[in-house]
Amino acid sequence: MNASEFRRRGKEMVDYVANYMEGIEGRQVYPDVEPGYLRPLIPAAAPQEPDTFEDIINDVEKIIMPGVTHWHSPYFFAYFPTASSYPAMLADMLCGAIGCIGFSWGCCLGRGSNQPIRCVQSLGAGGSLEKGLAPACKPPVPPYLEAASPACTELETVMMDWLGKMLELPKAFLNEKAGEGGGVIQGSASEATLVALLAARTKVIHRLQAASPELTQAAIMEKLVAYSSDQAHSSVERAGLIGGVKLKAIPSDGNFAMRASALQEALERDKAAGLIPFFMVATLGTTTCCSFDNLLEVGPIWLITDYRHWQIPLGRRFRSLKMWFVFRMYGVKGLQAYIRKHVQLSHEFESLVRQDPRFEICVEVILGLVCFRLKGSNKVNEALLQRINSAKKIHLVPCHLRDKFVLRFAICSRTVESAHVQRAWEHIKELAADVLRAERE
């Protein structure tokens, strides 16, 4: 494919994507396929000769789309929103075109030695260039290190500061000027949790060994203990397993939030037992019901860990381009309006549920998530969810709040409107009537 054909095919792909997004409401939100459906539909090996673009696009509709759950459908109310916008798609195109690998450190030769010295957060990942260099390294930076694309690292640094300011974080969290904070875009929330845990683990081991050189890493690690709410995502538990440390769940309160008193009690108990508390994960918007741990309470108990290495991979894609495009083309006010619309729609659905005496709201509605259920047994709610997802007109997923089986209604799509919420509720009511009728018979 040369540049001329790329222009032509690129325009066709943009048209395909735009048509997909405009017509997504007419697609069945949840697929009918069974596991393993795709393998028999494609060759067992890559073609020896190139296929045509037309054949590939035809196969997208024939093979790929039947197995797609349409997360951006206005009838998708499962899980949580996924970031998708036309500005972000345009930035993805540019990211693919530039195709750089943004290193956050490199190697250069230290003075008086032929041994490579790792440069921490070089090319601006930790602030200014000189701030990012190991002590034995001084500018100028070697030419091969410059080739790693400074713009990739530096734009990410600035975009994280933009985000921090939008969230009104304290200046200590920012990287600009004399700030000692900053951030990096992780590949996933799970990865971010693991990186933070490993950073905290490394910091406490170094601190304890500096005070008591006779302590081995193994001796320290067997006593380390981390904490999270009993409502925290499973990725927190997985981070503890990968990091090789104990992780304890702090019981949440009646609003499914972690409170200072419960955390303090666990800390004192574990310290008395000779354990070393070193890490705590506070969740702001749990996966189950979007509850917020009481950060103003638990925050002062805990020291914020600093980062030396900001991510697991050596390189990363030019991900900050998406933030740059979206922040500039929406503006802060546009993003605020987008979030407020989702919040408004969630409260509209909450109001509809509260008007039906057969249903109950299970927890305070926060942001765009409503947790609700039929009054009665878990079995009847499981039957309702099964009917909803079998009909495939809308898509929901459940959660468990203590011993209750609960349905989650999450406002997700960029294009969802009040009419979609109203139609979804009418559909749920009809299926609920069928379930209750079947239970009586």
Protein backbone atom coordinates (compact mmCIF):
# COMPACT_ATOMS: atom_id res chain seq x y z
CA MET A 1 0.00 0.00 0.00
CA ASN A 2 1.51 3.30 -1.06
CA ALA A 3 0.58 6.80 0.08
CA SER A 4 -1.96 7.26 -2.69
CA GLU A 5 -3.83 4.07 -1.84
CA PHE A 6 -3.55 4.85 1.86
CA ARG A 7 -5.33 8.16 1.27
CA ARG A 8 -8.13 6.37 -0.56
CA ARG A 9 -8.46 3.48 1.87
CA GLY A 10 -8.07 5.78 4.84
CA LYS A 11 -11.06 7.83 3.71
CA GLU A 12 -13.02 4.62 3.22
CA MET A 13 -12.10 3.47 6.72
CA VAL A 14 -13.14 6.81 8.22
CA ASP A 15 -16.47 6.45 6.42
CA TYR A 16 -16.84 2.88 7.74
CA VAL A 17 -16.10 3.98 11.31
CA ALA A 18 -18.46 6.96 11.09
CA ASN A 19 -21.21 4.76 9.65
CA TYR A 20 -20.60 2.20 12.39
CA MET A 21 -20.89 4.82 15.12
CA GLU A 22 -23.96 6.45 13.57
CA GLY A 23 -25.71 3.11 13.07
CA ILE A 24 -24.60 1.37 16.26
CA GLU A 25 -28.02 1.82 17.86
CA GLY A 26 -29.49 -0.51 15.23
CA ARG A 27 -27.01 -3.30 15.97
CA GLN A 28 -27.77 -6.01 18.51
CA VAL A 29 -25.85 -4.88 21.57
CA TYR A 30 -24.77 -8.38 22.69
CA PRO A 31 -23.61 -11.12 20.30
CA ASP A 32 -25.26 -14.49 19.65
CA VAL A 33 -22.05 -16.42 18.97
CA GLU A 34 -20.70 -19.34 20.98
CA PRO A 35 -17.08 -19.62 22.21
CA GLY A 36 -14.84 -20.80 19.39
CA TYR A 37 -17.09 -19.43 16.63
CA LEU A 38 -14.35 -17.50 14.86
CA ARG A 39 -11.59 -20.05 14.20
CA PRO A 40 -13.53 -22.08 11.61
CA LEU A 41 -14.33 -18.87 9.71
CA ILE A 42 -10.75 -17.89 8.95
CA PRO A 43 -7.80 -19.77 7.43
CA ALA A 44 -5.54 -21.78 9.73
CA ALA A 45 -2.51 -19.72 8.62
CA ALA A 46 -1.73 -16.28 7.20
CA PRO A 47 -2.13 -15.95 3.41
CA GLN A 48 0.98 -16.35 1.25
CA GLU A 49 -0.27 -13.69 -1.13
CA PRO A 50 -1.92 -10.42 -0.05
CA ASP A 51 -5.69 -10.16 0.29
CA THR A 52 -7.59 -7.16 -1.04
CA PHE A 53 -8.78 -4.36 1.18
CA GLU A 54 -12.35 -5.03 0.03
CA ASP A 55 -12.13 -8.67 1.16
CA ILE A 56 -10.80 -7.63 4.55
CA ILE A 57 -13.57 -5.07 5.11
CA ASN A 58 -16.18 -7.59 4.03
CA ASP A 59 -14.77 -10.06 6.56
CA VAL A 60 -14.99 -7.43 9.29
CA GLU A 61 -18.76 -7.39 8.87
CA LYS A 62 -19.06 -11.12 8.21
CA ILE A 63 -16.64 -12.48 10.83
CA ILE A 64 -15.71 -9.83 13.38
CA MET A 65 -18.86 -7.80 13.99
CA PRO A 66 -21.07 -10.84 14.81
CA GLY A 67 -18.80 -11.49 17.79
CA VAL A 68 -18.58 -7.92 19.05
CA THR A 69 -20.30 -6.60 22.14
CA HIS A 70 -21.05 -3.01 21.18
CA TRP A 71 -19.77 -1.09 24.17
CA HIS A 72 -20.65 2.24 22.58
CA SER A 73 -24.25 1.35 21.88
CA PRO A 74 -26.74 3.57 23.75
CA TYR A 75 -28.27 0.29 24.96
CA PHE A 76 -25.07 -0.90 26.59
CA PHE A 77 -25.48 -0.40 30.35
CA ALA A 78 -22.94 -2.95 31.59
CA TYR A 79 -19.57 -2.64 33.32
CA PHE A 80 -18.45 1.01 32.99
CA PRO A 81 -17.94 3.71 30.32
CA THR A 82 -15.03 3.29 27.92
CA ALA A 83 -13.39 6.39 26.54
CA SER A 84 -14.35 6.86 22.91
CA SER A 85 -14.68 10.03 20.90
CA TYR A 86 -13.92 11.19 17.40
CA PRO A 87 -11.01 13.39 18.57
CA ALA A 88 -9.48 10.35 20.33
CA MET A 89 -9.85 8.25 17.16
CA LEU A 90 -8.07 10.92 15.13
CA ALA A 91 -5.26 11.02 17.67
CA ASP A 92 -4.97 7.22 17.46
CA MET A 93 -4.40 7.55 13.73
CA LEU A 94 -1.61 10.06 14.29
CA CYS A 95 -0.09 7.92 17.04
CA GLY A 96 0.06 4.98 14.65
CA ALA A 97 1.62 7.15 11.95
CA ILE A 98 4.37 8.53 14.19
CA GLY A 99 4.96 5.04 15.56
CA CYS A 100 7.62 5.97 18.10
CA ILE A 101 8.52 4.02 21.21
CA GLY A 102 8.69 6.47 24.10
CA PHE A 103 11.41 5.26 26.45
CA SER A 104 11.25 6.60 29.99
CA TRP A 105 14.92 5.87 30.56
CA GLY A 106 17.97 5.03 28.50
CA CYS A 107 21.53 3.92 28.97
CA CYS A 108 24.63 6.00 28.53
CA LEU A 109 28.27 5.66 29.54
CA GLY A 110 29.19 7.06 32.91
CA ARG A 111 32.31 9.18 33.18
CA GLY A 112 35.44 7.19 33.91
CA SER A 113 33.68 3.91 33.23
CA ASN A 114 32.69 1.80 30.29
CA GLN A 115 29.72 0.41 32.20
CA PRO A 116 26.24 1.59 31.27
CA ILE A 117 24.41 3.61 33.90
CA ARG A 118 20.62 3.71 33.91
CA CYS A 119 19.19 7.18 33.53
CA VAL A 120 16.04 7.46 35.58
CA GLN A 121 13.06 9.15 33.88
CA SER A 122 15.25 10.64 31.16
CA LEU A 123 13.89 12.85 28.39
CA GLY A 124 11.64 14.67 30.78
CA ALA A 125 9.63 11.76 32.22
CA GLY A 126 10.38 13.06 35.70
CA GLY A 127 10.48 16.75 34.86
CA SER A 128 13.37 18.64 33.29
CA LEU A 129 16.01 16.73 31.40
CA GLU A 130 18.75 17.15 34.00
CA LYS A 131 16.39 16.19 36.81
CA GLY A 132 15.84 12.88 35.05
CA LEU A 133 19.51 11.89 34.82
CA ALA A 134 21.44 9.62 37.14
CA PRO A 135 24.16 11.47 39.11
CA ALA A 136 27.02 10.25 36.93
CA CYS A 137 25.28 11.47 33.74
CA LYS A 138 25.38 15.03 32.55
CA PRO A 139 23.96 16.70 29.45
CA PRO A 140 24.35 16.63 26.54
CA VAL A 141 22.28 13.51 26.08
CA PRO A 142 23.74 10.93 23.66
CA PRO A 143 22.23 11.19 20.13
CA TYR A 144 20.73 7.71 20.25
CA LEU A 145 18.85 8.61 23.42
CA GLU A 146 17.37 11.72 21.81
CA ALA A 147 15.96 9.47 19.06
CA ALA A 148 13.49 8.03 21.56
CA SER A 149 11.21 11.05 20.89
CA PRO A 150 11.28 13.61 23.69
CA ALA A 151 7.85 14.92 22.64
CA CYS A 152 6.28 11.55 23.51
CA THR A 153 7.51 11.68 27.10
CA GLU A 154 7.19 15.40 27.64
CA LEU A 155 3.65 15.73 26.30
CA GLU A 156 2.57 12.89 28.60
CA THR A 157 4.12 14.73 31.55
CA VAL A 158 2.25 17.93 30.69
CA MET A 159 -1.04 16.13 30.00
CA MET A 160 -0.92 14.46 33.41
CA ASP A 161 -0.46 17.91 34.93
CA TRP A 162 -3.45 19.17 32.93
CA LEU A 163 -5.49 16.28 34.30
CA GLY A 164 -4.26 16.91 37.84
CA LYS A 165 -5.37 20.53 37.61
CA MET A 166 -8.75 19.53 36.19
CA LEU A 167 -9.20 17.31 39.26
CA GLU A 168 -7.93 20.13 41.51
CA LEU A 169 -5.20 17.95 42.98
CA PRO A 170 -2.73 19.64 45.36
CA LYS A 171 0.37 21.08 43.67
CA ALA A 172 2.49 18.38 45.29
CA PHE A 173 0.92 15.92 42.84
CA LEU A 174 2.05 17.92 39.80
CA ASN A 175 5.31 17.81 37.89
CA GLU A 176 5.55 21.39 36.68
CA LYS A 177 8.09 23.91 37.97
CA ALA A 178 9.41 22.74 41.34
CA GLY A 179 6.81 20.03 41.76
CA GLU A 180 7.95 16.61 42.93
CA GLY A 181 4.86 14.80 41.70
CA GLY A 182 3.71 13.89 38.23
CA GLY A 183 2.14 10.91 36.57
CA VAL A 184 2.30 8.47 33.70
CA ILE A 185 -0.45 6.87 31.63
CA GLN A 186 -0.57 3.19 32.53
CA GLY A 187 -1.82 0.51 30.18
CA SER A 188 -4.61 -0.42 32.60
CA ALA A 189 -5.84 0.21 36.14
CA SER A 190 -4.50 -3.23 37.11
CA GLU A 191 -1.04 -2.25 35.89
CA ALA A 192 -1.21 1.04 37.79
CA THR A 193 -2.05 -0.75 41.05
CA LEU A 194 0.83 -3.19 40.61
CA VAL A 195 3.34 -0.44 39.79
CA ALA A 196 2.32 1.53 42.88
CA LEU A 197 2.60 -1.55 45.10
CA LEU A 198 6.05 -2.46 43.73
CA ALA A 199 7.23 1.13 44.21
CA ALA A 200 6.04 1.14 47.84
CA ARG A 201 7.56 -2.29 48.47
CA THR A 202 10.94 -1.20 47.10
CA LYS A 203 10.90 2.02 49.11
CA VAL A 204 10.18 0.36 52.45
CA ILE A 205 12.76 -2.40 51.86
CA HIS A 206 15.47 0.20 51.10
CA ARG A 207 14.50 2.26 54.14
CA LEU A 208 14.57 -0.69 56.53
CA GLN A 209 17.83 -2.06 55.14
CA ALA A 210 19.44 1.37 55.47
CA ALA A 211 18.49 1.43 59.15
CA SER A 212 19.32 -2.27 59.74
CA PRO A 213 21.79 -3.59 57.12
CA GLU A 214 21.58 -7.11 58.54
CA LEU A 215 17.96 -7.46 57.37
CA THR A 216 17.53 -9.47 54.19
CA GLN A 217 14.92 -8.69 51.58
CA ALA A 218 13.25 -12.04 52.23
CA ALA A 219 13.03 -11.33 55.97
CA ILE A 220 11.36 -7.99 55.32
CA MET A 221 8.98 -9.22 52.63
CA GLU A 222 7.52 -11.99 54.77
CA LYS A 223 6.36 -9.30 57.21
CA LEU A 224 5.02 -6.76 54.72
CA VAL A 225 1.27 -6.25 54.70
CA ALA A 226 -0.93 -4.13 52.41
CA TYR A 227 -4.54 -3.05 52.80
CA SER A 228 -7.60 -2.30 50.72
CA SER A 229 -11.35 -2.14 51.18
CA ASP A 230 -13.32 -5.38 50.94
CA GLN A 231 -14.98 -3.69 47.94
CA ALA A 232 -11.73 -3.11 46.05
CA HIS A 233 -11.29 -4.54 42.56
CA SER A 234 -9.78 -7.99 42.14
CA SER A 235 -6.74 -6.38 40.49
CA VAL A 236 -5.65 -5.20 43.94
CA GLU A 237 -5.58 -8.76 45.23
CA ARG A 238 -3.72 -9.81 42.07
CA ALA A 239 -1.12 -7.09 42.64
CA GLY A 240 -0.51 -8.48 46.12
CA LEU A 241 -0.04 -11.99 44.75
CA ILE A 242 2.39 -10.83 42.05
CA GLY A 243 4.23 -8.60 44.53
CA GLY A 244 4.57 -11.48 47.00
CA VAL A 245 3.05 -9.63 49.96
CA LYS A 246 0.12 -10.15 52.30
CA LEU A 247 -3.00 -8.18 51.42
CA LYS A 248 -5.77 -7.66 53.96
CA ALA A 249 -9.32 -6.52 53.21
CA ILE A 250 -10.67 -3.79 55.49
CA PRO A 251 -14.41 -4.20 56.18
CA SER A 252 -16.42 -1.41 54.56
CA ASP A 253 -19.20 0.52 56.26
CA GLY A 254 -22.91 0.57 55.43
CA ASN A 255 -22.20 2.65 52.33
CA PHE A 256 -19.52 0.18 51.20
CA ALA A 257 -16.72 2.66 51.95
CA MET A 258 -13.49 2.14 53.89
CA ARG A 259 -13.31 4.27 57.03
CA ALA A 260 -10.37 5.41 59.12
CA SER A 261 -11.45 3.57 62.27
CA ALA A 262 -11.44 0.16 60.60
CA LEU A 263 -8.11 0.83 58.90
CA GLN A 264 -6.51 2.10 62.10
CA GLU A 265 -7.67 -0.97 64.00
CA ALA A 266 -6.07 -3.28 61.42
CA LEU A 267 -2.83 -1.28 61.43
CA GLU A 268 -2.48 -1.42 65.21
CA ARG A 269 -3.29 -5.13 65.31
CA ASP A 270 -0.76 -5.99 62.63
CA LYS A 271 1.99 -3.82 64.11
CA ALA A 272 1.49 -5.55 67.46
CA ALA A 273 1.90 -8.89 65.66
CA GLY A 274 5.25 -7.78 64.25
CA LEU A 275 4.03 -7.13 60.71
CA ILE A 276 5.09 -4.12 58.62
CA PRO A 277 2.21 -2.13 57.07
CA PHE A 278 3.52 -0.50 53.90
CA PHE A 279 0.76 0.07 51.35
CA MET A 280 -2.92 1.00 51.24
CA VAL A 281 -5.22 1.23 48.22
CA ALA A 282 -8.12 3.66 48.48
CA THR A 283 -10.83 3.16 45.86
CA LEU A 284 -12.67 6.17 44.48
CA GLY A 285 -15.56 4.52 42.67
CA THR A 286 -15.68 0.79 43.33
CA THR A 287 -16.51 -1.54 40.45
CA THR A 288 -19.51 -3.01 42.24
CA CYS A 289 -21.45 0.09 43.28
CA CYS A 290 -19.19 3.13 42.67
CA SER A 291 -18.71 3.72 46.39
CA PHE A 292 -15.91 6.07 47.46
CA ASP A 293 -13.54 5.24 50.31
CA ASN A 294 -13.39 8.15 52.75
CA LEU A 295 -10.14 9.65 51.50
CA LEU A 296 -10.24 12.61 53.89
CA GLU A 297 -10.21 10.12 56.77
CA VAL A 298 -7.84 7.41 55.56
CA GLY A 299 -5.46 9.76 53.71
CA PRO A 300 -3.82 11.37 56.76
CA ILE A 301 -3.12 7.91 58.21
CA TRP A 302 -0.99 6.99 55.21
CA LEU A 303 2.13 8.41 53.63
CA ILE A 304 2.03 8.75 49.85
CA THR A 305 4.76 6.70 48.19
CA ASP A 306 7.01 8.26 45.63
CA TYR A 307 7.96 6.61 42.34
CA ARG A 308 11.39 5.86 40.94
CA HIS A 309 10.37 3.77 37.94
CA TRP A 310 6.98 4.85 36.69
CA GLN A 311 5.85 1.84 34.72
CA ILE A 312 6.62 -1.81 33.98
CA PRO A 313 7.37 -1.60 30.23
CA LEU A 314 10.52 0.11 29.01
CA GLY A 315 8.67 1.82 26.15
CA ARG A 316 5.18 3.11 25.54
CA ARG A 317 3.05 4.41 22.70
CA PHE A 318 2.38 8.10 22.15
CA ARG A 319 -0.74 7.79 24.30
CA SER A 320 -0.81 11.39 25.46
CA LEU A 321 -1.80 12.52 21.97
CA LYS A 322 -5.31 11.24 22.70
CA MET A 323 -5.52 13.33 25.86
CA TRP A 324 -4.15 16.38 24.03
CA PHE A 325 -6.70 16.10 21.23
CA VAL A 326 -9.64 15.38 23.54
CA PHE A 327 -8.82 18.06 26.12
CA ARG A 328 -8.39 20.69 23.40
CA MET A 329 -11.39 19.74 21.22
CA TYR A 330 -13.81 19.31 24.14
CA GLY A 331 -12.40 21.81 26.59
CA VAL A 332 -12.83 21.43 30.33
CA LYS A 333 -16.38 22.74 30.16
CA GLY A 334 -17.29 20.24 27.44
CA LEU A 335 -15.93 17.33 29.49
CA GLN A 336 -17.78 18.57 32.57
CA ALA A 337 -21.01 18.75 30.58
CA TYR A 338 -20.47 15.21 29.32
CA ILE A 339 -20.00 13.84 32.85
CA ARG A 340 -22.94 15.81 34.22
CA LYS A 341 -25.19 14.45 31.50
CA HIS A 342 -24.33 10.88 32.53
CA VAL A 343 -24.98 11.73 36.17
CA GLN A 344 -28.33 13.28 35.25
CA LEU A 345 -29.37 10.18 33.25
CA SER A 346 -28.43 7.87 36.12
CA HIS A 347 -30.66 9.84 38.49
CA GLU A 348 -33.43 9.75 35.91
CA PHE A 349 -33.22 5.95 35.91
CA GLU A 350 -33.09 5.94 39.71
CA SER A 351 -36.32 7.96 39.79
CA LEU A 352 -38.02 5.46 37.47
CA VAL A 353 -36.97 2.54 39.68
CA ARG A 354 -38.18 4.25 42.86
CA GLN A 355 -41.62 4.78 41.30
CA ASP A 356 -42.12 1.01 40.92
CA PRO A 357 -42.89 -0.68 44.27
CA ARG A 358 -41.59 -4.01 42.97
CA PHE A 359 -38.03 -2.69 42.87
CA GLU A 360 -35.53 -1.23 45.30
CA ILE A 361 -32.39 0.93 45.03
CA CYS A 362 -29.58 -0.86 46.83
CA VAL A 363 -27.05 1.91 47.48
CA GLU A 364 -26.67 5.64 46.97
CA VAL A 365 -26.44 6.53 43.28
CA ILE A 366 -23.01 7.98 42.56
CA LEU A 367 -21.89 9.31 39.18
CA GLY A 368 -23.43 7.22 36.38
CA LEU A 369 -24.18 3.92 38.15
CA VAL A 370 -27.49 2.69 39.59
CA CYS A 371 -27.58 -0.53 41.63
CA PHE A 372 -31.12 -1.91 41.81
CA ARG A 373 -33.03 -5.17 42.17
CA LEU A 374 -36.45 -6.69 42.47
CA LYS A 375 -37.58 -6.95 46.08
CA GLY A 376 -37.28 -10.60 46.95
CA SER A 377 -34.81 -13.42 46.58
CA ASN A 378 -31.51 -13.55 44.74
CA LYS A 379 -33.01 -16.26 42.57
CA VAL A 380 -35.70 -13.99 41.14
CA ASN A 381 -33.09 -11.31 40.35
CA GLU A 382 -30.83 -13.84 38.69
CA ALA A 383 -33.81 -14.90 36.56
CA LEU A 384 -34.51 -11.28 35.63
CA LEU A 385 -30.92 -10.67 34.54
CA GLN A 386 -30.92 -13.87 32.53
CA ARG A 387 -34.03 -12.73 30.64
CA ILE A 388 -32.60 -9.25 30.05
CA ASN A 389 -29.38 -10.50 28.53
CA SER A 390 -31.04 -13.31 26.60
CA ALA A 391 -33.32 -10.79 24.90
CA LYS A 392 -30.19 -8.83 23.83
CA LYS A 393 -32.03 -5.52 23.52
CA ILE A 394 -29.95 -4.04 26.33
CA HIS A 395 -26.96 -5.38 28.22
CA LEU A 396 -26.46 -5.38 32.02
CA VAL A 397 -24.11 -7.15 34.42
CA PRO A 398 -24.63 -7.96 38.11
CA CYS A 399 -22.69 -7.54 41.32
CA HIS A 400 -22.96 -8.83 44.87
CA LEU A 401 -23.42 -6.35 47.71
CA ARG A 402 -22.87 -8.41 50.83
CA ASP A 403 -25.34 -11.28 50.35
CA LYS A 404 -27.55 -9.56 47.76
CA PHE A 405 -27.51 -10.27 44.03
CA VAL A 406 -27.82 -6.82 42.45
CA LEU A 407 -28.30 -5.53 38.91
CA ARG A 408 -26.05 -2.67 37.77
CA PHE A 409 -27.33 -0.03 35.34
CA ALA A 410 -24.35 2.01 34.16
CA ILE A 411 -24.68 4.99 31.84
CA CYS A 412 -21.89 4.25 29.37
CA SER A 413 -22.37 5.42 25.79
CA ARG A 414 -21.36 8.83 24.52
CA THR A 415 -24.62 8.92 22.53
CA VAL A 416 -27.06 7.71 25.20
CA GLU A 417 -30.09 9.94 25.72
CA SER A 418 -33.11 10.04 27.99
CA ALA A 419 -35.16 8.15 25.38
CA HIS A 420 -32.75 5.19 25.56
CA VAL A 421 -32.99 5.11 29.35
CA GLN A 422 -36.79 5.24 29.18
CA ARG A 423 -36.94 2.40 26.64
CA ALA A 424 -34.52 0.32 28.69
CA TRP A 425 -36.68 0.76 31.78
CA GLU A 426 -39.88 -0.22 29.94
CA HIS A 427 -38.09 -3.34 28.70
CA ILE A 428 -36.89 -4.22 32.22
CA LYS A 429 -40.40 -3.75 33.63
CA GLU A 430 -41.92 -6.07 31.03
CA LEU A 431 -39.38 -8.79 31.73
CA ALA A 432 -39.79 -8.32 35.48
CA ALA A 433 -43.52 -8.95 35.09
CA ASP A 434 -42.77 -12.16 33.21
CA VAL A 435 -40.34 -13.32 35.93
CA LEU A 436 -42.76 -12.59 38.77
CA ARG A 437 -45.59 -14.28 36.88
CA ALA A 438 -43.45 -17.38 36.36
CA GLU A 439 -42.52 -17.43 40.05
CA ARG A 440 -46.19 -17.41 41.08
CA GLU A 441 -47.06 -20.29 38.72
